[in-house]
């Protein structure tokens, strides 16, 4: 079982950036928790501040035996038609996650352009959003 975990812009600064909103966990800490909680899964972690790199990773997942995608698109959530379009071509379970509740923040954060191409969105549970995202992807796979 292979799951691609994508993280968008500024998520490399977790633990330093707005800890009152995003918590004090770092991205490497989140990755470690995923590995510990799902030891039988091979994770491929990609973080990029560049939209094209994330799109390349999505496109590669079409042919590299990736079974599911869990992604926190960061600011691209609300703006990236290009990521949305790449996701539409990916025929595996796709779960969007957010550490904070995007519906309880600024109005522009309530809209997820990328979410329209995902199976579902988990938002507002901190690090647990990632764990729940993997659980959701696994449930989708089990139904196939």
N, C-alpha and C. Protein backbone atom coordinates (compact mmCIF):
# COMPACT_ATOMS: atom_id res chain seq x y z
N UNK A 1 0.85 -1.18 0.00
CA UNK A 1 0.00 0.00 0.00
C UNK A 1 0.89 1.24 0.00
N UNK A 2 0.63 2.12 -0.95
CA UNK A 2 1.46 3.31 -1.11
C UNK A 2 0.56 4.55 -1.14
N UNK A 3 0.81 5.49 -0.23
CA UNK A 3 0.04 6.72 -0.15
C UNK A 3 0.96 7.92 -0.34
N UNK A 4 0.55 8.78 -1.26
CA UNK A 4 1.25 10.03 -1.51
C UNK A 4 0.65 11.11 -0.62
N UNK A 5 1.49 11.79 0.14
CA UNK A 5 1.05 12.89 1.00
C UNK A 5 1.69 14.16 0.48
N UNK A 6 0.84 15.04 -0.05
CA UNK A 6 1.33 16.31 -0.61
C UNK A 6 1.01 17.46 0.33
N UNK A 7 1.95 18.37 0.46
CA UNK A 7 1.78 19.57 1.27
C UNK A 7 2.22 20.77 0.47
N UNK A 8 1.38 21.78 0.45
CA UNK A 8 1.62 22.97 -0.35
C UNK A 8 2.42 24.05 0.36
N UNK A 9 2.29 25.27 -0.15
CA UNK A 9 3.14 26.37 0.29
C UNK A 9 3.02 26.68 1.78
N UNK A 10 4.16 27.00 2.34
CA UNK A 10 4.34 27.45 3.73
C UNK A 10 4.17 26.34 4.76
N UNK A 11 3.78 25.15 4.35
CA UNK A 11 3.64 24.07 5.33
C UNK A 11 4.99 23.57 5.83
N UNK A 12 6.05 23.91 5.12
CA UNK A 12 7.39 23.62 5.61
C UNK A 12 7.71 24.45 6.86
N UNK A 13 6.90 25.46 7.14
CA UNK A 13 7.13 26.32 8.30
C UNK A 13 6.23 25.98 9.49
N UNK A 14 5.54 24.85 9.41
CA UNK A 14 4.70 24.45 10.54
C UNK A 14 5.53 24.38 11.81
N UNK A 15 4.92 24.78 12.90
CA UNK A 15 5.62 24.83 14.18
C UNK A 15 6.18 26.22 14.45
N UNK A 16 6.42 26.98 13.39
CA UNK A 16 6.94 28.34 13.51
C UNK A 16 5.89 29.37 13.08
N UNK A 17 5.08 29.01 12.10
CA UNK A 17 4.11 29.93 11.51
C UNK A 17 2.77 29.82 12.22
N UNK A 18 2.33 30.89 12.82
CA UNK A 18 1.00 30.95 13.46
C UNK A 18 0.65 29.71 14.27
N UNK A 19 1.43 29.37 15.29
CA UNK A 19 1.12 28.15 16.05
C UNK A 19 -0.25 28.20 16.72
N UNK A 20 -0.79 29.39 16.97
CA UNK A 20 -2.14 29.47 17.56
C UNK A 20 -3.21 29.02 16.56
N UNK A 21 -2.90 29.04 15.27
CA UNK A 21 -3.83 28.59 14.24
C UNK A 21 -3.50 27.16 13.82
N UNK A 22 -2.22 26.88 13.57
CA UNK A 22 -1.81 25.60 12.97
C UNK A 22 -1.21 24.62 13.96
N UNK A 23 -1.01 25.03 15.20
CA UNK A 23 -0.42 24.16 16.20
C UNK A 23 1.09 24.23 16.21
N UNK A 24 1.69 23.47 17.09
CA UNK A 24 3.14 23.53 17.26
C UNK A 24 3.87 22.37 16.60
N UNK A 25 3.12 21.42 16.05
CA UNK A 25 3.77 20.29 15.36
C UNK A 25 4.45 20.76 14.08
N UNK A 26 5.57 20.16 13.77
CA UNK A 26 6.28 20.45 12.52
C UNK A 26 5.80 19.48 11.45
N UNK A 27 6.12 19.77 10.21
CA UNK A 27 5.75 18.88 9.12
C UNK A 27 6.44 17.53 9.28
N UNK A 28 7.70 17.53 9.69
CA UNK A 28 8.39 16.25 9.90
C UNK A 28 7.76 15.48 11.06
N UNK A 29 7.25 16.19 12.05
CA UNK A 29 6.54 15.54 13.15
C UNK A 29 5.25 14.88 12.68
N UNK A 30 4.53 15.55 11.79
CA UNK A 30 3.31 14.98 11.22
C UNK A 30 3.64 13.74 10.41
N UNK A 31 4.69 13.82 9.62
CA UNK A 31 5.11 12.67 8.82
C UNK A 31 5.46 11.49 9.71
N UNK A 32 6.14 11.74 10.82
CA UNK A 32 6.51 10.68 11.75
C UNK A 32 5.27 10.05 12.38
N UNK A 33 4.28 10.87 12.73
CA UNK A 33 3.04 10.34 13.32
C UNK A 33 2.31 9.45 12.32
N UNK A 34 2.31 9.83 11.06
CA UNK A 34 1.67 8.99 10.05
C UNK A 34 2.38 7.64 9.95
N UNK A 35 3.70 7.66 9.91
CA UNK A 35 4.46 6.41 9.83
C UNK A 35 4.21 5.52 11.06
N UNK A 36 4.15 6.14 12.24
CA UNK A 36 3.93 5.38 13.48
C UNK A 36 2.53 4.79 13.54
N UNK A 37 1.54 5.54 13.08
CA UNK A 37 0.15 5.10 13.16
C UNK A 37 -0.24 4.12 12.06
N UNK A 38 0.51 4.13 10.96
CA UNK A 38 0.20 3.26 9.83
C UNK A 38 1.49 2.58 9.35
N UNK A 39 2.04 1.67 10.19
CA UNK A 39 3.34 1.08 9.87
C UNK A 39 3.36 0.23 8.60
N UNK A 40 2.22 -0.25 8.15
CA UNK A 40 2.19 -1.09 6.96
C UNK A 40 2.07 -0.32 5.66
N UNK A 41 2.05 1.00 5.76
CA UNK A 41 1.88 1.83 4.57
C UNK A 41 3.20 2.47 4.18
N UNK A 42 3.48 2.45 2.90
CA UNK A 42 4.65 3.17 2.37
C UNK A 42 4.18 4.57 2.00
N UNK A 43 4.71 5.56 2.70
CA UNK A 43 4.34 6.95 2.43
C UNK A 43 5.39 7.61 1.55
N UNK A 44 4.92 8.41 0.63
CA UNK A 44 5.78 9.28 -0.16
C UNK A 44 5.36 10.70 0.19
N UNK A 45 6.25 11.43 0.88
CA UNK A 45 5.94 12.79 1.32
C UNK A 45 6.57 13.80 0.38
N UNK A 46 5.75 14.76 -0.06
CA UNK A 46 6.25 15.84 -0.91
C UNK A 46 5.69 17.15 -0.38
N UNK A 47 6.57 18.10 -0.11
CA UNK A 47 6.15 19.46 0.23
C UNK A 47 6.79 20.38 -0.78
N UNK A 48 6.01 21.31 -1.29
CA UNK A 48 6.57 22.28 -2.21
C UNK A 48 5.83 23.61 -2.10
N UNK A 49 6.58 24.67 -2.26
CA UNK A 49 6.01 26.00 -2.35
C UNK A 49 5.71 26.37 -3.80
N UNK A 50 5.92 25.41 -4.70
CA UNK A 50 5.76 25.65 -6.14
C UNK A 50 4.65 24.77 -6.71
N UNK A 51 3.68 25.40 -7.28
CA UNK A 51 2.50 24.72 -7.82
C UNK A 51 2.88 23.63 -8.83
N UNK A 52 3.80 23.92 -9.71
CA UNK A 52 4.19 22.96 -10.74
C UNK A 52 4.76 21.68 -10.18
N UNK A 53 5.52 21.77 -9.09
CA UNK A 53 6.07 20.56 -8.47
C UNK A 53 4.97 19.68 -7.90
N UNK A 54 3.94 20.30 -7.35
CA UNK A 54 2.82 19.52 -6.82
C UNK A 54 2.04 18.86 -7.96
N UNK A 55 1.87 19.58 -9.06
CA UNK A 55 1.20 19.02 -10.23
C UNK A 55 2.02 17.87 -10.80
N UNK A 56 3.32 18.01 -10.85
CA UNK A 56 4.17 16.90 -11.31
C UNK A 56 3.98 15.67 -10.44
N UNK A 57 3.89 15.86 -9.13
CA UNK A 57 3.70 14.72 -8.22
C UNK A 57 2.34 14.07 -8.45
N UNK A 58 1.32 14.87 -8.70
CA UNK A 58 -0.01 14.33 -8.99
C UNK A 58 0.04 13.51 -10.28
N UNK A 59 0.65 14.06 -11.31
CA UNK A 59 0.74 13.35 -12.58
C UNK A 59 1.55 12.07 -12.45
N UNK A 60 2.62 12.09 -11.70
CA UNK A 60 3.43 10.88 -11.49
C UNK A 60 2.64 9.80 -10.77
N UNK A 61 1.72 10.20 -9.88
CA UNK A 61 0.93 9.24 -9.13
C UNK A 61 0.00 8.43 -10.04
N UNK A 62 -0.23 8.90 -11.25
CA UNK A 62 -1.08 8.15 -12.21
C UNK A 62 -0.41 6.87 -12.67
N UNK A 63 0.94 6.82 -12.59
CA UNK A 63 1.65 5.68 -13.18
C UNK A 63 2.67 5.02 -12.25
N UNK A 64 2.80 5.49 -11.03
CA UNK A 64 3.85 4.95 -10.15
C UNK A 64 3.33 4.02 -9.06
N UNK A 65 2.17 3.45 -9.24
CA UNK A 65 1.53 2.51 -8.31
C UNK A 65 1.10 3.14 -6.98
N UNK A 66 0.88 4.45 -6.97
CA UNK A 66 0.31 5.09 -5.79
C UNK A 66 -1.14 4.64 -5.64
N UNK A 67 -1.52 4.27 -4.41
CA UNK A 67 -2.87 3.78 -4.15
C UNK A 67 -3.84 4.86 -3.71
N UNK A 68 -3.33 5.93 -3.08
CA UNK A 68 -4.21 6.99 -2.58
C UNK A 68 -3.39 8.27 -2.38
N UNK A 69 -4.12 9.38 -2.30
CA UNK A 69 -3.52 10.70 -2.11
C UNK A 69 -4.18 11.38 -0.92
N UNK A 70 -3.35 11.92 -0.04
CA UNK A 70 -3.81 12.79 1.05
C UNK A 70 -3.05 14.10 0.87
N UNK A 71 -3.77 15.22 0.86
CA UNK A 71 -3.10 16.47 0.55
C UNK A 71 -3.63 17.65 1.34
N UNK A 72 -2.69 18.48 1.76
CA UNK A 72 -2.99 19.79 2.32
C UNK A 72 -2.40 20.79 1.34
N UNK A 73 -3.24 21.41 0.56
CA UNK A 73 -2.78 22.30 -0.51
C UNK A 73 -2.38 23.68 -0.01
N UNK A 74 -2.56 23.95 1.29
CA UNK A 74 -2.22 25.28 1.79
C UNK A 74 -3.01 26.33 1.01
N UNK A 75 -2.36 27.44 0.70
CA UNK A 75 -3.02 28.53 -0.02
C UNK A 75 -3.50 28.18 -1.41
N UNK A 76 -2.93 27.13 -2.01
CA UNK A 76 -3.39 26.71 -3.35
C UNK A 76 -4.82 26.17 -3.30
N UNK A 77 -5.28 25.77 -2.12
CA UNK A 77 -6.65 25.28 -1.94
C UNK A 77 -7.65 26.25 -2.55
N UNK A 78 -7.42 27.53 -2.34
CA UNK A 78 -8.39 28.56 -2.66
C UNK A 78 -8.14 29.22 -4.01
N UNK A 79 -7.07 28.79 -4.70
CA UNK A 79 -6.70 29.52 -5.91
C UNK A 79 -6.28 28.68 -7.11
N UNK A 80 -6.03 27.41 -6.94
CA UNK A 80 -5.38 26.67 -8.02
C UNK A 80 -6.32 25.83 -8.89
N UNK A 81 -6.68 26.41 -10.00
CA UNK A 81 -7.44 25.67 -11.02
C UNK A 81 -6.53 24.60 -11.63
N UNK A 82 -5.24 24.88 -11.75
CA UNK A 82 -4.30 23.93 -12.36
C UNK A 82 -4.18 22.66 -11.51
N UNK A 83 -4.10 22.79 -10.19
CA UNK A 83 -4.06 21.60 -9.34
C UNK A 83 -5.39 20.86 -9.44
N UNK A 84 -6.49 21.57 -9.40
CA UNK A 84 -7.81 20.96 -9.56
C UNK A 84 -7.86 20.12 -10.84
N UNK A 85 -7.41 20.70 -11.95
CA UNK A 85 -7.47 20.00 -13.24
C UNK A 85 -6.60 18.75 -13.25
N UNK A 86 -5.43 18.82 -12.63
CA UNK A 86 -4.55 17.64 -12.54
C UNK A 86 -5.21 16.56 -11.70
N UNK A 87 -5.87 16.95 -10.61
CA UNK A 87 -6.53 15.98 -9.73
C UNK A 87 -7.67 15.25 -10.44
N UNK A 88 -8.36 15.93 -11.33
CA UNK A 88 -9.48 15.29 -12.04
C UNK A 88 -9.02 14.10 -12.88
N UNK A 89 -7.75 14.08 -13.26
CA UNK A 89 -7.22 13.00 -14.08
C UNK A 89 -6.68 11.83 -13.25
N UNK A 90 -6.70 11.98 -11.94
CA UNK A 90 -6.14 10.98 -11.03
C UNK A 90 -7.26 10.10 -10.48
N UNK A 91 -7.24 8.83 -10.83
CA UNK A 91 -8.32 7.92 -10.49
C UNK A 91 -7.97 7.01 -9.30
N UNK A 92 -7.62 7.64 -8.18
CA UNK A 92 -7.38 6.95 -6.92
C UNK A 92 -8.09 7.75 -5.84
N UNK A 93 -8.28 7.19 -4.64
CA UNK A 93 -8.88 7.98 -3.57
C UNK A 93 -8.03 9.22 -3.27
N UNK A 94 -8.72 10.36 -3.11
CA UNK A 94 -8.06 11.64 -2.86
C UNK A 94 -8.77 12.33 -1.71
N UNK A 95 -8.02 12.62 -0.65
CA UNK A 95 -8.60 13.26 0.53
C UNK A 95 -7.82 14.54 0.82
N UNK A 96 -8.54 15.64 0.91
CA UNK A 96 -7.94 16.93 1.26
C UNK A 96 -8.01 17.10 2.78
N UNK A 97 -6.94 17.61 3.36
CA UNK A 97 -6.91 17.83 4.81
C UNK A 97 -6.42 19.24 5.12
N UNK A 98 -6.92 19.76 6.23
CA UNK A 98 -6.49 21.06 6.73
C UNK A 98 -6.37 21.00 8.24
N UNK A 99 -5.31 21.57 8.76
CA UNK A 99 -5.10 21.60 10.21
C UNK A 99 -6.15 22.46 10.90
N UNK A 100 -6.41 23.64 10.35
CA UNK A 100 -7.39 24.55 10.93
C UNK A 100 -8.74 24.36 10.24
N UNK A 101 -9.78 24.86 10.86
CA UNK A 101 -11.10 24.80 10.26
C UNK A 101 -11.21 25.95 9.26
N UNK A 102 -11.11 25.63 7.99
CA UNK A 102 -11.10 26.69 6.96
C UNK A 102 -12.43 27.44 6.91
N UNK A 103 -13.50 26.88 7.46
CA UNK A 103 -14.80 27.53 7.45
C UNK A 103 -14.98 28.48 8.63
N UNK A 104 -14.04 28.48 9.55
CA UNK A 104 -14.12 29.35 10.72
C UNK A 104 -13.09 30.48 10.65
N UNK A 105 -12.53 30.67 9.46
CA UNK A 105 -11.49 31.68 9.28
C UNK A 105 -11.95 32.75 8.30
N UNK A 106 -11.02 33.38 7.64
CA UNK A 106 -11.38 34.42 6.69
C UNK A 106 -12.28 33.86 5.59
N UNK A 107 -13.16 34.71 5.08
CA UNK A 107 -14.14 34.28 4.08
C UNK A 107 -13.50 33.62 2.86
N UNK A 108 -12.36 34.16 2.39
CA UNK A 108 -11.74 33.60 1.20
C UNK A 108 -11.25 32.17 1.41
N UNK A 109 -11.02 31.78 2.65
CA UNK A 109 -10.54 30.41 2.93
C UNK A 109 -11.67 29.38 2.92
N UNK A 110 -12.91 29.82 2.93
CA UNK A 110 -14.02 28.87 2.97
C UNK A 110 -14.19 28.11 1.66
N UNK A 111 -13.72 28.65 0.57
CA UNK A 111 -13.89 28.02 -0.74
C UNK A 111 -12.67 27.18 -1.08
N UNK A 112 -12.92 25.93 -1.43
CA UNK A 112 -11.84 25.05 -1.84
C UNK A 112 -12.01 24.68 -3.31
N UNK A 113 -11.21 25.28 -4.15
CA UNK A 113 -11.22 24.94 -5.58
C UNK A 113 -10.73 23.50 -5.76
N UNK A 114 -9.69 23.13 -5.05
CA UNK A 114 -9.13 21.78 -5.16
C UNK A 114 -10.10 20.73 -4.62
N UNK A 115 -10.87 21.08 -3.61
CA UNK A 115 -11.78 20.14 -2.98
C UNK A 115 -12.82 19.56 -3.92
N UNK A 116 -13.15 20.30 -4.95
CA UNK A 116 -14.14 19.81 -5.91
C UNK A 116 -13.65 18.58 -6.67
N UNK A 117 -12.34 18.36 -6.69
CA UNK A 117 -11.77 17.21 -7.39
C UNK A 117 -11.32 16.11 -6.42
N UNK A 118 -11.67 16.25 -5.14
CA UNK A 118 -11.28 15.29 -4.12
C UNK A 118 -12.50 14.45 -3.73
N UNK A 119 -12.27 13.30 -3.09
CA UNK A 119 -13.38 12.51 -2.56
C UNK A 119 -14.00 13.16 -1.34
N UNK A 120 -13.20 13.90 -0.58
CA UNK A 120 -13.71 14.56 0.60
C UNK A 120 -12.65 15.46 1.23
N UNK A 121 -13.11 16.24 2.21
CA UNK A 121 -12.24 17.21 2.90
C UNK A 121 -12.40 17.03 4.40
N UNK A 122 -11.27 16.96 5.09
CA UNK A 122 -11.25 16.89 6.56
C UNK A 122 -10.56 18.16 7.03
N UNK A 123 -11.24 18.94 7.85
CA UNK A 123 -10.72 20.24 8.22
C UNK A 123 -10.97 20.55 9.69
N UNK A 124 -9.93 21.07 10.35
CA UNK A 124 -10.10 21.58 11.69
C UNK A 124 -9.68 20.69 12.84
N UNK A 125 -9.04 19.57 12.57
CA UNK A 125 -8.68 18.64 13.63
C UNK A 125 -7.18 18.61 13.91
N UNK A 126 -6.47 19.63 13.51
CA UNK A 126 -5.03 19.67 13.75
C UNK A 126 -4.34 18.51 13.07
N UNK A 127 -3.33 17.97 13.72
CA UNK A 127 -2.58 16.84 13.16
C UNK A 127 -3.49 15.65 12.88
N UNK A 128 -4.53 15.50 13.68
CA UNK A 128 -5.47 14.39 13.46
C UNK A 128 -6.14 14.47 12.10
N UNK A 129 -6.20 15.64 11.49
CA UNK A 129 -6.76 15.74 10.14
C UNK A 129 -6.01 14.83 9.18
N UNK A 130 -4.69 14.76 9.32
CA UNK A 130 -3.89 13.88 8.46
C UNK A 130 -4.19 12.41 8.75
N UNK A 131 -4.28 12.06 10.03
CA UNK A 131 -4.58 10.67 10.40
C UNK A 131 -5.96 10.27 9.89
N UNK A 132 -6.93 11.16 10.07
CA UNK A 132 -8.28 10.91 9.58
C UNK A 132 -8.30 10.84 8.05
N UNK A 133 -7.47 11.63 7.41
CA UNK A 133 -7.38 11.60 5.95
C UNK A 133 -6.90 10.26 5.43
N UNK A 134 -5.90 9.70 6.09
CA UNK A 134 -5.41 8.37 5.70
C UNK A 134 -6.50 7.33 5.96
N UNK A 135 -7.17 7.42 7.12
CA UNK A 135 -8.26 6.48 7.42
C UNK A 135 -9.34 6.55 6.35
N UNK A 136 -9.70 7.76 5.94
CA UNK A 136 -10.74 7.92 4.92
C UNK A 136 -10.29 7.31 3.59
N UNK A 137 -9.04 7.55 3.21
CA UNK A 137 -8.52 6.98 1.97
C UNK A 137 -8.55 5.46 2.02
N UNK A 138 -8.20 4.88 3.16
CA UNK A 138 -8.21 3.44 3.31
C UNK A 138 -9.64 2.88 3.22
N UNK A 139 -10.60 3.59 3.78
CA UNK A 139 -12.00 3.15 3.70
C UNK A 139 -12.49 3.18 2.25
N UNK A 140 -12.11 4.22 1.51
CA UNK A 140 -12.50 4.30 0.09
C UNK A 140 -11.89 3.12 -0.67
N UNK A 141 -10.62 2.84 -0.41
CA UNK A 141 -9.96 1.72 -1.09
C UNK A 141 -10.63 0.39 -0.75
N UNK A 142 -11.04 0.22 0.49
CA UNK A 142 -11.67 -1.04 0.91
C UNK A 142 -13.00 -1.27 0.21
N UNK A 143 -13.67 -0.20 -0.19
CA UNK A 143 -14.96 -0.33 -0.87
C UNK A 143 -14.83 -0.65 -2.35
N UNK A 144 -13.61 -0.51 -2.89
CA UNK A 144 -13.40 -0.78 -4.32
C UNK A 144 -13.34 -2.25 -4.61
